[in-house]
Amino acid sequence: LQERCPDLLNEVIPKVDTVAGIFEGCTLQ
C-alpha cells in the first residue's frame, strides 16, 4: 500500500463511524 498509494495507510474511511452508530451490526461489502 505504501508503494502504490502512500496516503491511504493513514486515512480513516469517512463516515464509517457514523454508519456503525446508526446501523449496528451492518457489514462492509
mmCIF file of all heavy atoms, coordinates in Angstrom:
data_MODEL
# 
_entry.id   MODEL 
# 
loop_
_atom_site.group_PDB 
_atom_site.id 
_atom_site.type_symbol 
_atom_site.label_atom_id 
_atom_site.label_alt_id 
_atom_site.label_comp_id 
_atom_site.label_asym_id 
_atom_site.label_entity_id 
_atom_site.label_seq_id 
_atom_site.pdbx_PDB_ins_code 
_atom_site.Cartn_x 
_atom_site.Cartn_y 
_atom_site.Cartn_z 
_atom_site.occupancy 
_atom_site.B_iso_or_equiv 
_atom_site.pdbx_formal_charge 
_atom_site.auth_seq_id 
_atom_site.auth_comp_id 
_atom_site.auth_asym_id 
_atom_site.auth_atom_id 
_atom_site.pdbx_PDB_model_num 
ATOM 1   N N   . LEU A 1 1  ? 0.829   -1.209 0.000  1.00 0.00 ? 1  LEU A N   1 
ATOM 2   C CA  . LEU A 1 1  ? 0.000   0.000  0.000  1.00 0.00 ? 1  LEU A CA  1 
ATOM 3   C C   . LEU A 1 1  ? 0.863   1.259  0.000  1.00 0.00 ? 1  LEU A C   1 
ATOM 4   O O   . LEU A 1 1  ? 0.553   2.230  -0.687 1.00 0.00 ? 1  LEU A O   1 
ATOM 5   C CB  . LEU A 1 1  ? -0.942  0.001  1.203  1.00 0.00 ? 1  LEU A CB  1 
ATOM 6   C CG  . LEU A 1 1  ? -2.077  -1.012 1.123  1.00 0.00 ? 1  LEU A CG  1 
ATOM 7   C CD1 . LEU A 1 1  ? -2.789  -1.118 2.457  1.00 0.00 ? 1  LEU A CD1 1 
ATOM 8   C CD2 . LEU A 1 1  ? -3.058  -0.635 0.031  1.00 0.00 ? 1  LEU A CD2 1 
ATOM 9   N N   . GLN A 1 2  ? 1.957   1.229  0.735  1.00 0.00 ? 2  GLN A N   1 
ATOM 10  C CA  . GLN A 1 2  ? 2.866   2.378  0.784  1.00 0.00 ? 2  GLN A CA  1 
ATOM 11  C C   . GLN A 1 2  ? 3.453   2.668  -0.600 1.00 0.00 ? 2  GLN A C   1 
ATOM 12  O O   . GLN A 1 2  ? 3.574   3.822  -0.996 1.00 0.00 ? 2  GLN A O   1 
ATOM 13  C CB  . GLN A 1 2  ? 3.993   2.117  1.791  1.00 0.00 ? 2  GLN A CB  1 
ATOM 14  C CG  . GLN A 1 2  ? 4.938   3.278  1.992  1.00 0.00 ? 2  GLN A CG  1 
ATOM 15  C CD  . GLN A 1 2  ? 4.280   4.457  2.672  1.00 0.00 ? 2  GLN A CD  1 
ATOM 16  O OE1 . GLN A 1 2  ? 3.419   4.295  3.518  1.00 0.00 ? 2  GLN A OE1 1 
ATOM 17  N NE2 . GLN A 1 2  ? 4.688   5.651  2.303  1.00 0.00 ? 2  GLN A NE2 1 
ATOM 18  N N   . GLU A 1 3  ? 3.774   1.623  -1.344 1.00 0.00 ? 3  GLU A N   1 
ATOM 19  C CA  . GLU A 1 3  ? 4.334   1.793  -2.693 1.00 0.00 ? 3  GLU A CA  1 
ATOM 20  C C   . GLU A 1 3  ? 3.301   2.334  -3.677 1.00 0.00 ? 3  GLU A C   1 
ATOM 21  O O   . GLU A 1 3  ? 3.618   3.144  -4.529 1.00 0.00 ? 3  GLU A O   1 
ATOM 22  C CB  . GLU A 1 3  ? 4.861   0.456  -3.214 1.00 0.00 ? 3  GLU A CB  1 
ATOM 23  C CG  . GLU A 1 3  ? 6.087   -0.051 -2.502 1.00 0.00 ? 3  GLU A CG  1 
ATOM 24  C CD  . GLU A 1 3  ? 6.433   -1.481 -2.875 1.00 0.00 ? 3  GLU A CD  1 
ATOM 25  O OE1 . GLU A 1 3  ? 5.677   -2.139 -3.627 1.00 0.00 ? 3  GLU A OE1 1 
ATOM 26  O OE2 . GLU A 1 3  ? 7.485   -1.962 -2.388 1.00 0.00 ? 3  GLU A OE2 1 
ATOM 27  N N   . ARG A 1 4  ? 2.068   1.879  -3.580 1.00 0.00 ? 4  ARG A N   1 
ATOM 28  C CA  . ARG A 1 4  ? 1.052   2.231  -4.569 1.00 0.00 ? 4  ARG A CA  1 
ATOM 29  C C   . ARG A 1 4  ? 0.266   3.498  -4.234 1.00 0.00 ? 4  ARG A C   1 
ATOM 30  O O   . ARG A 1 4  ? -0.143  4.224  -5.114 1.00 0.00 ? 4  ARG A O   1 
ATOM 31  C CB  . ARG A 1 4  ? 0.106   1.062  -4.772 1.00 0.00 ? 4  ARG A CB  1 
ATOM 32  C CG  . ARG A 1 4  ? 0.792   -0.003 -5.612 1.00 0.00 ? 4  ARG A CG  1 
ATOM 33  C CD  . ARG A 1 4  ? 0.045   -1.302 -5.627 1.00 0.00 ? 4  ARG A CD  1 
ATOM 34  N NE  . ARG A 1 4  ? 0.685   -2.263 -6.493 1.00 0.00 ? 4  ARG A NE  1 
ATOM 35  C CZ  . ARG A 1 4  ? 1.860   -2.839 -6.281 1.00 0.00 ? 4  ARG A CZ  1 
ATOM 36  N NH1 . ARG A 1 4  ? 2.574   -2.513 -5.238 1.00 0.00 ? 4  ARG A NH1 1 
ATOM 37  N NH2 . ARG A 1 4  ? 2.346   -3.731 -7.119 1.00 0.00 ? 4  ARG A NH2 1 
ATOM 38  N N   . CYS A 1 5  ? 0.012   3.719  -2.971 1.00 0.00 ? 5  CYS A N   1 
ATOM 39  C CA  . CYS A 1 5  ? -0.781  4.895  -2.562 1.00 0.00 ? 5  CYS A CA  1 
ATOM 40  C C   . CYS A 1 5  ? -0.434  5.245  -1.114 1.00 0.00 ? 5  CYS A C   1 
ATOM 41  O O   . CYS A 1 5  ? -1.155  4.875  -0.194 1.00 0.00 ? 5  CYS A O   1 
ATOM 42  C CB  . CYS A 1 5  ? -2.264  4.635  -2.737 1.00 0.00 ? 5  CYS A CB  1 
ATOM 43  S SG  . CYS A 1 5  ? -2.806  3.030  -2.143 1.00 0.00 ? 5  CYS A SG  1 
ATOM 44  N N   . PRO A 1 6  ? 0.679   5.941  -0.920 1.00 0.00 ? 6  PRO A N   1 
ATOM 45  C CA  . PRO A 1 6  ? 1.200   6.193  0.420  1.00 0.00 ? 6  PRO A CA  1 
ATOM 46  C C   . PRO A 1 6  ? 0.230   6.882  1.378  1.00 0.00 ? 6  PRO A C   1 
ATOM 47  O O   . PRO A 1 6  ? 0.256   6.612  2.576  1.00 0.00 ? 6  PRO A O   1 
ATOM 48  C CB  . PRO A 1 6  ? 2.420   7.077  0.185  1.00 0.00 ? 6  PRO A CB  1 
ATOM 49  C CG  . PRO A 1 6  ? 2.556   7.264  -1.264 1.00 0.00 ? 6  PRO A CG  1 
ATOM 50  C CD  . PRO A 1 6  ? 1.476   6.530  -1.966 1.00 0.00 ? 6  PRO A CD  1 
ATOM 51  N N   . ASP A 1 7  ? -0.620  7.746  0.881  1.00 0.00 ? 7  ASP A N   1 
ATOM 52  C CA  . ASP A 1 7  ? -1.531  8.473  1.772  1.00 0.00 ? 7  ASP A CA  1 
ATOM 53  C C   . ASP A 1 7  ? -2.652  7.609  2.326  1.00 0.00 ? 7  ASP A C   1 
ATOM 54  O O   . ASP A 1 7  ? -3.260  7.929  3.340  1.00 0.00 ? 7  ASP A O   1 
ATOM 55  C CB  . ASP A 1 7  ? -2.124  9.686  1.061  1.00 0.00 ? 7  ASP A CB  1 
ATOM 56  C CG  . ASP A 1 7  ? -2.940  9.316  -0.171 1.00 0.00 ? 7  ASP A CG  1 
ATOM 57  O OD1 . ASP A 1 7  ? -2.583  8.327  -0.847 1.00 0.00 ? 7  ASP A OD1 1 
ATOM 58  O OD2 . ASP A 1 7  ? -3.922  10.021 -0.466 1.00 0.00 ? 7  ASP A OD2 1 
ATOM 59  N N   . LEU A 1 8  ? -2.912  6.479  1.700  1.00 0.00 ? 8  LEU A N   1 
ATOM 60  C CA  . LEU A 1 8  ? -4.046  5.647  2.087  1.00 0.00 ? 8  LEU A CA  1 
ATOM 61  C C   . LEU A 1 8  ? -3.876  4.991  3.460  1.00 0.00 ? 8  LEU A C   1 
ATOM 62  O O   . LEU A 1 8  ? -4.843  4.825  4.200  1.00 0.00 ? 8  LEU A O   1 
ATOM 63  C CB  . LEU A 1 8  ? -4.303  4.573  1.024  1.00 0.00 ? 8  LEU A CB  1 
ATOM 64  C CG  . LEU A 1 8  ? -5.588  3.782  1.155  1.00 0.00 ? 8  LEU A CG  1 
ATOM 65  C CD1 . LEU A 1 8  ? -6.794  4.702  1.049  1.00 0.00 ? 8  LEU A CD1 1 
ATOM 66  C CD2 . LEU A 1 8  ? -5.654  2.715  0.071  1.00 0.00 ? 8  LEU A CD2 1 
ATOM 67  N N   . LEU A 1 9  ? -2.661  4.626  3.836  1.00 0.00 ? 9  LEU A N   1 
ATOM 68  C CA  . LEU A 1 9  ? -2.446  3.932  5.116  1.00 0.00 ? 9  LEU A CA  1 
ATOM 69  C C   . LEU A 1 9  ? -2.891  4.736  6.325  1.00 0.00 ? 9  LEU A C   1 
ATOM 70  O O   . LEU A 1 9  ? -3.353  4.180  7.312  1.00 0.00 ? 9  LEU A O   1 
ATOM 71  C CB  . LEU A 1 9  ? -0.972  3.563  5.282  1.00 0.00 ? 9  LEU A CB  1 
ATOM 72  C CG  . LEU A 1 9  ? -0.515  2.343  4.509  1.00 0.00 ? 9  LEU A CG  1 
ATOM 73  C CD1 . LEU A 1 9  ? 0.993   2.174  4.649  1.00 0.00 ? 9  LEU A CD1 1 
ATOM 74  C CD2 . LEU A 1 9  ? -1.227  1.100  4.979  1.00 0.00 ? 9  LEU A CD2 1 
ATOM 75  N N   . ASN A 1 10 ? -2.759  6.035  6.258  1.00 0.00 ? 10 ASN A N   1 
ATOM 76  C CA  . ASN A 1 10 ? -3.120  6.885  7.400  1.00 0.00 ? 10 ASN A CA  1 
ATOM 77  C C   . ASN A 1 10 ? -4.541  7.400  7.326  1.00 0.00 ? 10 ASN A C   1 
ATOM 78  O O   . ASN A 1 10 ? -4.995  8.098  8.227  1.00 0.00 ? 10 ASN A O   1 
ATOM 79  C CB  . ASN A 1 10 ? -2.147  8.064  7.502  1.00 0.00 ? 10 ASN A CB  1 
ATOM 80  C CG  . ASN A 1 10 ? -0.761  7.577  7.862  1.00 0.00 ? 10 ASN A CG  1 
ATOM 81  O OD1 . ASN A 1 10 ? -0.603  6.700  8.696  1.00 0.00 ? 10 ASN A OD1 1 
ATOM 82  N ND2 . ASN A 1 10 ? 0.239   8.138  7.211  1.00 0.00 ? 10 ASN A ND2 1 
ATOM 83  N N   . GLU A 1 11 ? -5.241  7.053  6.278  1.00 0.00 ? 11 GLU A N   1 
ATOM 84  C CA  . GLU A 1 11 ? -6.594  7.573  6.076  1.00 0.00 ? 11 GLU A CA  1 
ATOM 85  C C   . GLU A 1 11 ? -7.629  6.792  6.885  1.00 0.00 ? 11 GLU A C   1 
ATOM 86  O O   . GLU A 1 11 ? -7.628  5.568  6.922  1.00 0.00 ? 11 GLU A O   1 
ATOM 87  C CB  . GLU A 1 11 ? -6.950  7.513  4.595  1.00 0.00 ? 11 GLU A CB  1 
ATOM 88  C CG  . GLU A 1 11 ? -8.217  8.244  4.264  1.00 0.00 ? 11 GLU A CG  1 
ATOM 89  C CD  . GLU A 1 11 ? -8.362  8.504  2.778  1.00 0.00 ? 11 GLU A CD  1 
ATOM 90  O OE1 . GLU A 1 11 ? -7.359  8.702  2.103  1.00 0.00 ? 11 GLU A OE1 1 
ATOM 91  O OE2 . GLU A 1 11 ? -9.515  8.504  2.325  1.00 0.00 ? 11 GLU A OE2 1 
ATOM 92  N N   . VAL A 1 12 ? -8.495  7.537  7.532  1.00 0.00 ? 12 VAL A N   1 
ATOM 93  C CA  . VAL A 1 12 ? -9.660  6.954  8.200  1.00 0.00 ? 12 VAL A CA  1 
ATOM 94  C C   . VAL A 1 12 ? -10.802 7.075  7.202  1.00 0.00 ? 12 VAL A C   1 
ATOM 95  O O   . VAL A 1 12 ? -11.068 8.154  6.677  1.00 0.00 ? 12 VAL A O   1 
ATOM 96  C CB  . VAL A 1 12 ? -10.001 7.715  9.502  1.00 0.00 ? 12 VAL A CB  1 
ATOM 97  C CG1 . VAL A 1 12 ? -11.285 7.180  10.120 1.00 0.00 ? 12 VAL A CG1 1 
ATOM 98  C CG2 . VAL A 1 12 ? -8.846  7.605  10.489 1.00 0.00 ? 12 VAL A CG2 1 
ATOM 99  N N   . ILE A 1 13 ? -11.457 5.973  6.922  1.00 0.00 ? 13 ILE A N   1 
ATOM 100 C CA  . ILE A 1 13 ? -12.530 5.994  5.934  1.00 0.00 ? 13 ILE A CA  1 
ATOM 101 C C   . ILE A 1 13 ? -13.668 6.861  6.459  1.00 0.00 ? 13 ILE A C   1 
ATOM 102 O O   . ILE A 1 13 ? -14.185 6.612  7.549  1.00 0.00 ? 13 ILE A O   1 
ATOM 103 C CB  . ILE A 1 13 ? -13.009 4.573  5.610  1.00 0.00 ? 13 ILE A CB  1 
ATOM 104 C CG1 . ILE A 1 13 ? -11.845 3.769  5.036  1.00 0.00 ? 13 ILE A CG1 1 
ATOM 105 C CG2 . ILE A 1 13 ? -14.180 4.601  4.632  1.00 0.00 ? 13 ILE A CG2 1 
ATOM 106 C CD1 . ILE A 1 13 ? -12.104 2.305  4.901  1.00 0.00 ? 13 ILE A CD1 1 
ATOM 107 N N   . PRO A 1 14 ? -14.028 7.904  5.710  1.00 0.00 ? 14 PRO A N   1 
ATOM 108 C CA  . PRO A 1 14 ? -15.029 8.852  6.196  1.00 0.00 ? 14 PRO A CA  1 
ATOM 109 C C   . PRO A 1 14 ? -16.395 8.222  6.423  1.00 0.00 ? 14 PRO A C   1 
ATOM 110 O O   . PRO A 1 14 ? -16.822 7.341  5.688  1.00 0.00 ? 14 PRO A O   1 
ATOM 111 C CB  . PRO A 1 14 ? -15.112 9.899  5.089  1.00 0.00 ? 14 PRO A CB  1 
ATOM 112 C CG  . PRO A 1 14 ? -14.212 9.477  4.004  1.00 0.00 ? 14 PRO A CG  1 
ATOM 113 C CD  . PRO A 1 14 ? -13.552 8.206  4.385  1.00 0.00 ? 14 PRO A CD  1 
ATOM 114 N N   . LYS A 1 15 ? -17.050 8.672  7.465  1.00 0.00 ? 15 LYS A N   1 
ATOM 115 C CA  . LYS A 1 15 ? -18.437 8.342  7.789  1.00 0.00 ? 15 LYS A CA  1 
ATOM 116 C C   . LYS A 1 15 ? -18.670 6.910  8.271  1.00 0.00 ? 15 LYS A C   1 
ATOM 117 O O   . LYS A 1 15 ? -19.789 6.545  8.582  1.00 0.00 ? 15 LYS A O   1 
ATOM 118 C CB  . LYS A 1 15 ? -19.374 8.627  6.609  1.00 0.00 ? 15 LYS A CB  1 
ATOM 119 C CG  . LYS A 1 15 ? -19.241 10.002 6.015  1.00 0.00 ? 15 LYS A CG  1 
ATOM 120 C CD  . LYS A 1 15 ? -19.924 11.022 6.861  1.00 0.00 ? 15 LYS A CD  1 
ATOM 121 C CE  . LYS A 1 15 ? -19.898 12.365 6.138  1.00 0.00 ? 15 LYS A CE  1 
ATOM 122 N NZ  . LYS A 1 15 ? -19.972 13.483 6.953  1.00 0.00 ? 15 LYS A NZ  1 
ATOM 123 N N   . VAL A 1 16 ? -17.639 6.078  8.334  1.00 0.00 ? 16 VAL A N   1 
ATOM 124 C CA  . VAL A 1 16 ? -17.838 4.698  8.781  1.00 0.00 ? 16 VAL A CA  1 
ATOM 125 C C   . VAL A 1 16 ? -18.307 4.669  10.230 1.00 0.00 ? 16 VAL A C   1 
ATOM 126 O O   . VAL A 1 16 ? -19.190 3.890  10.587 1.00 0.00 ? 16 VAL A O   1 
ATOM 127 C CB  . VAL A 1 16 ? -16.560 3.850  8.597  1.00 0.00 ? 16 VAL A CB  1 
ATOM 128 C CG1 . VAL A 1 16 ? -16.694 2.497  9.270  1.00 0.00 ? 16 VAL A CG1 1 
ATOM 129 C CG2 . VAL A 1 16 ? -16.270 3.659  7.126  1.00 0.00 ? 16 VAL A CG2 1 
ATOM 130 N N   . ASP A 1 17 ? -17.749 5.535  11.068 1.00 0.00 ? 17 ASP A N   1 
ATOM 131 C CA  . ASP A 1 17 ? -18.171 5.543  12.470 1.00 0.00 ? 17 ASP A CA  1 
ATOM 132 C C   . ASP A 1 17 ? -19.629 5.975  12.604 1.00 0.00 ? 17 ASP A C   1 
ATOM 133 O O   . ASP A 1 17 ? -20.370 5.441  13.431 1.00 0.00 ? 17 ASP A O   1 
ATOM 134 C CB  . ASP A 1 17 ? -17.259 6.425  13.317 1.00 0.00 ? 17 ASP A CB  1 
ATOM 135 C CG  . ASP A 1 17 ? -17.085 7.831  12.769 1.00 0.00 ? 17 ASP A CG  1 
ATOM 136 O OD1 . ASP A 1 17 ? -17.386 8.064  11.581 1.00 0.00 ? 17 ASP A OD1 1 
ATOM 137 O OD2 . ASP A 1 17 ? -16.639 8.704  13.536 1.00 0.00 ? 17 ASP A OD2 1 
ATOM 138 N N   . THR A 1 18 ? -20.074 6.895  11.752 1.00 0.00 ? 18 THR A N   1 
ATOM 139 C CA  . THR A 1 18 ? -21.481 7.319  11.765 1.00 0.00 ? 18 THR A CA  1 
ATOM 140 C C   . THR A 1 18 ? -22.395 6.172  11.352 1.00 0.00 ? 18 THR A C   1 
ATOM 141 O O   . THR A 1 18 ? -23.411 5.906  11.995 1.00 0.00 ? 18 THR A O   1 
ATOM 142 C CB  . THR A 1 18 ? -21.690 8.518  10.813 1.00 0.00 ? 18 THR A CB  1 
ATOM 143 O OG1 . THR A 1 18 ? -20.816 9.571  11.215 1.00 0.00 ? 18 THR A OG1 1 
ATOM 144 C CG2 . THR A 1 18 ? -23.129 8.992  10.829 1.00 0.00 ? 18 THR A CG2 1 
ATOM 145 N N   . VAL A 1 19 ? -22.017 5.480  10.281 1.00 0.00 ? 19 VAL A N   1 
ATOM 146 C CA  . VAL A 1 19 ? -22.804 4.339  9.802  1.00 0.00 ? 19 VAL A CA  1 
ATOM 147 C C   . VAL A 1 19 ? -22.871 3.258  10.878 1.00 0.00 ? 19 VAL A C   1 
ATOM 148 O O   . VAL A 1 19 ? -23.931 2.707  11.151 1.00 0.00 ? 19 VAL A O   1 
ATOM 149 C CB  . VAL A 1 19 ? -22.217 3.770  8.489  1.00 0.00 ? 19 VAL A CB  1 
ATOM 150 C CG1 . VAL A 1 19 ? -22.886 2.454  8.112  1.00 0.00 ? 19 VAL A CG1 1 
ATOM 151 C CG2 . VAL A 1 19 ? -22.347 4.777  7.368  1.00 0.00 ? 19 VAL A CG2 1 
ATOM 152 N N   . ALA A 1 20 ? -21.731 2.974  11.518 1.00 0.00 ? 20 ALA A N   1 
ATOM 153 C CA  . ALA A 1 20 ? -21.694 1.944  12.561 1.00 0.00 ? 20 ALA A CA  1 
ATOM 154 C C   . ALA A 1 20 ? -22.613 2.313  13.721 1.00 0.00 ? 20 ALA A C   1 
ATOM 155 O O   . ALA A 1 20 ? -23.267 1.449  14.304 1.00 0.00 ? 20 ALA A O   1 
ATOM 156 C CB  . ALA A 1 20 ? -20.267 1.747  13.054 1.00 0.00 ? 20 ALA A CB  1 
ATOM 157 N N   . GLY A 1 21 ? -22.685 3.601  14.055 1.00 0.00 ? 21 GLY A N   1 
ATOM 158 C CA  . GLY A 1 21 ? -23.541 4.044  15.144 1.00 0.00 ? 21 GLY A CA  1 
ATOM 159 C C   . GLY A 1 21 ? -25.022 3.956  14.822 1.00 0.00 ? 21 GLY A C   1 
ATOM 160 O O   . GLY A 1 21 ? -25.844 3.689  15.689 1.00 0.00 ? 21 GLY A O   1 
ATOM 161 N N   . ILE A 1 22 ? -25.362 4.165  13.562 1.00 0.00 ? 22 ILE A N   1 
ATOM 162 C CA  . ILE A 1 22 ? -26.773 4.149  13.154 1.00 0.00 ? 22 ILE A CA  1 
ATOM 163 C C   . ILE A 1 22 ? -27.259 2.739  12.843 1.00 0.00 ? 22 ILE A C   1 
ATOM 164 O O   . ILE A 1 22 ? -28.340 2.336  13.237 1.00 0.00 ? 22 ILE A O   1 
ATOM 165 C CB  . ILE A 1 22 ? -26.982 5.063  11.924 1.00 0.00 ? 22 ILE A CB  1 
ATOM 166 C CG1 . ILE A 1 22 ? -26.689 6.516  12.304 1.00 0.00 ? 22 ILE A CG1 1 
ATOM 167 C CG2 . ILE A 1 22 ? -28.393 4.921  11.371 1.00 0.00 ? 22 ILE A CG2 1 
ATOM 168 C CD1 . ILE A 1 22 ? -26.650 7.469  11.125 1.00 0.00 ? 22 ILE A CD1 1 
ATOM 169 N N   . PHE A 1 23 ? -26.419 1.985  12.125 1.00 0.00 ? 23 PHE A N   1 
ATOM 170 C CA  . PHE A 1 23 ? -26.810 0.643  11.674 1.00 0.00 ? 23 PHE A CA  1 
ATOM 171 C C   . PHE A 1 23 ? -25.964 -0.409 12.381 1.00 0.00 ? 23 PHE A C   1 
ATOM 172 O O   . PHE A 1 23 ? -25.097 -1.035 11.783 1.00 0.00 ? 23 PHE A O   1 
ATOM 173 C CB  . PHE A 1 23 ? -26.651 0.517  10.157 1.00 0.00 ? 23 PHE A CB  1 
ATOM 174 C CG  . PHE A 1 23 ? -27.448 1.513  9.386  1.00 0.00 ? 23 PHE A CG  1 
ATOM 175 C CD1 . PHE A 1 23 ? -26.828 2.611  8.797  1.00 0.00 ? 23 PHE A CD1 1 
ATOM 176 C CD2 . PHE A 1 23 ? -28.813 1.364  9.242  1.00 0.00 ? 23 PHE A CD2 1 
ATOM 177 C CE1 . PHE A 1 23 ? -27.566 3.533  8.076  1.00 0.00 ? 23 PHE A CE1 1 
ATOM 178 C CE2 . PHE A 1 23 ? -29.556 2.282  8.522  1.00 0.00 ? 23 PHE A CE2 1 
ATOM 179 C CZ  . PHE A 1 23 ? -28.924 3.383  7.940  1.00 0.00 ? 23 PHE A CZ  1 
ATOM 180 N N   . GLU A 1 24 ? -26.220 -0.601 13.641 1.00 0.00 ? 24 GLU A N   1 
ATOM 181 C CA  . GLU A 1 24 ? -25.454 -1.553 14.434 1.00 0.00 ? 24 GLU A CA  1 
ATOM 182 C C   . GLU A 1 24 ? -25.531 -2.951 13.811 1.00 0.00 ? 24 GLU A C   1 
ATOM 183 O O   . GLU A 1 24 ? -26.592 -3.427 13.426 1.00 0.00 ? 24 GLU A O   1 
ATOM 184 C CB  . GLU A 1 24 ? -26.009 -1.600 15.857 1.00 0.00 ? 24 GLU A CB  1 
ATOM 185 C CG  . GLU A 1 24 ? -25.168 -2.422 16.788 1.00 0.00 ? 24 GLU A CG  1 
ATOM 186 C CD  . GLU A 1 24 ? -25.696 -2.370 18.207 1.00 0.00 ? 24 GLU A CD  1 
ATOM 187 O OE1 . GLU A 1 24 ? -26.240 -1.321 18.607 1.00 0.00 ? 24 GLU A OE1 1 
ATOM 188 O OE2 . GLU A 1 24 ? -25.560 -3.391 18.900 1.00 0.00 ? 24 GLU A OE2 1 
ATOM 189 N N   . GLY A 1 25 ? -24.367 -3.583 13.690 1.00 0.00 ? 25 GLY A N   1 
ATOM 190 C CA  . GLY A 1 25 ? -24.312 -4.936 13.152 1.00 0.00 ? 25 GLY A CA  1 
ATOM 191 C C   . GLY A 1 25 ? -24.226 -5.020 11.637 1.00 0.00 ? 25 GLY A C   1 
ATOM 192 O O   . GLY A 1 25 ? -24.195 -6.114 11.072 1.00 0.00 ? 25 GLY A O   1 
ATOM 193 N N   . CYS A 1 26 ? -24.165 -3.885 10.941 1.00 0.00 ? 26 CYS A N   1 
ATOM 194 C CA  . CYS A 1 26 ? -24.093 -3.945 9.476  1.00 0.00 ? 26 CYS A CA  1 
ATOM 195 C C   . CYS A 1 26 ? -22.682 -4.341 9.036  1.00 0.00 ? 26 CYS A C   1 
ATOM 196 O O   . CYS A 1 26 ? -21.716 -4.221 9.786  1.00 0.00 ? 26 CYS A O   1 
ATOM 197 C CB  . CYS A 1 26 ? -24.531 -2.630 8.833  1.00 0.00 ? 26 CYS A CB  1 
ATOM 198 S SG  . CYS A 1 26 ? -23.452 -1.243 9.131  1.00 0.00 ? 26 CYS A SG  1 
ATOM 199 N N   . THR A 1 27 ? -22.569 -4.842 7.832  1.00 0.00 ? 27 THR A N   1 
ATOM 200 C CA  . THR A 1 27 ? -21.291 -5.298 7.310  1.00 0.00 ? 27 THR A CA  1 
ATOM 201 C C   . THR A 1 27 ? -20.804 -4.384 6.200  1.00 0.00 ? 27 THR A C   1 
ATOM 202 O O   . THR A 1 27 ? -21.583 -3.686 5.556  1.00 0.00 ? 27 THR A O   1 
ATOM 203 C CB  . THR A 1 27 ? -21.384 -6.735 6.767  1.00 0.00 ? 27 THR A CB  1 
ATOM 204 O OG1 . THR A 1 27 ? -22.355 -6.789 5.729  1.00 0.00 ? 27 THR A OG1 1 
ATOM 205 C CG2 . THR A 1 27 ? -21.730 -7.713 7.867  1.00 0.00 ? 27 THR A CG2 1 
ATOM 206 N N   . LEU A 1 28 ? -19.508 -4.430 5.997  1.00 0.00 ? 28 LEU A N   1 
ATOM 207 C CA  . LEU A 1 28 ? -18.865 -3.652 4.948  1.00 0.00 ? 28 LEU A CA  1 
ATOM 208 C C   . LEU A 1 28 ? -18.624 -4.584 3.773  1.00 0.00 ? 28 LEU A C   1 
ATOM 209 O O   . LEU A 1 28 ? -17.911 -5.570 3.897  1.00 0.00 ? 28 LEU A O   1 
ATOM 210 C CB  . LEU A 1 28 ? -17.536 -3.106 5.462  1.00 0.00 ? 28 LEU A CB  1 
ATOM 211 C CG  . LEU A 1 28 ? -16.713 -2.350 4.460  1.00 0.00 ? 28 LEU A CG  1 
ATOM 212 C CD1 . LEU A 1 28 ? -17.338 -0.979 4.250  1.00 0.00 ? 28 LEU A CD1 1 
ATOM 213 C CD2 . LEU A 1 28 ? -15.290 -2.211 4.948  1.00 0.00 ? 28 LEU A CD2 1 
ATOM 214 N N   . GLN A 1 29 ? -19.236 -4.295 2.631  1.00 0.00 ? 29 GLN A N   1 
ATOM 215 C CA  . GLN A 1 29 ? -19.065 -5.174 1.489  1.00 0.00 ? 29 GLN A CA  1 
ATOM 216 C C   . GLN A 1 29 ? -17.968 -4.723 0.542  1.00 0.00 ? 29 GLN A C   1 
ATOM 217 O O   . GLN A 1 29 ? -17.238 -5.552 0.010  1.00 0.00 ? 29 GLN A O   1 
ATOM 218 C CB  . GLN A 1 29 ? -20.379 -5.339 0.749  1.00 0.00 ? 29 GLN A CB  1 
ATOM 219 C CG  . GLN A 1 29 ? -21.387 -6.069 1.604  1.00 0.00 ? 29 GLN A CG  1 
ATOM 220 C CD  . GLN A 1 29 ? -22.617 -6.468 0.855  1.00 0.00 ? 29 GLN A CD  1 
ATOM 221 O OE1 . GLN A 1 29 ? -22.699 -6.341 -0.358 1.00 0.00 ? 29 GLN A OE1 1 
ATOM 222 N NE2 . GLN A 1 29 ? -23.599 -6.951 1.567  1.00 0.00 ? 29 GLN A NE2 1 
# 
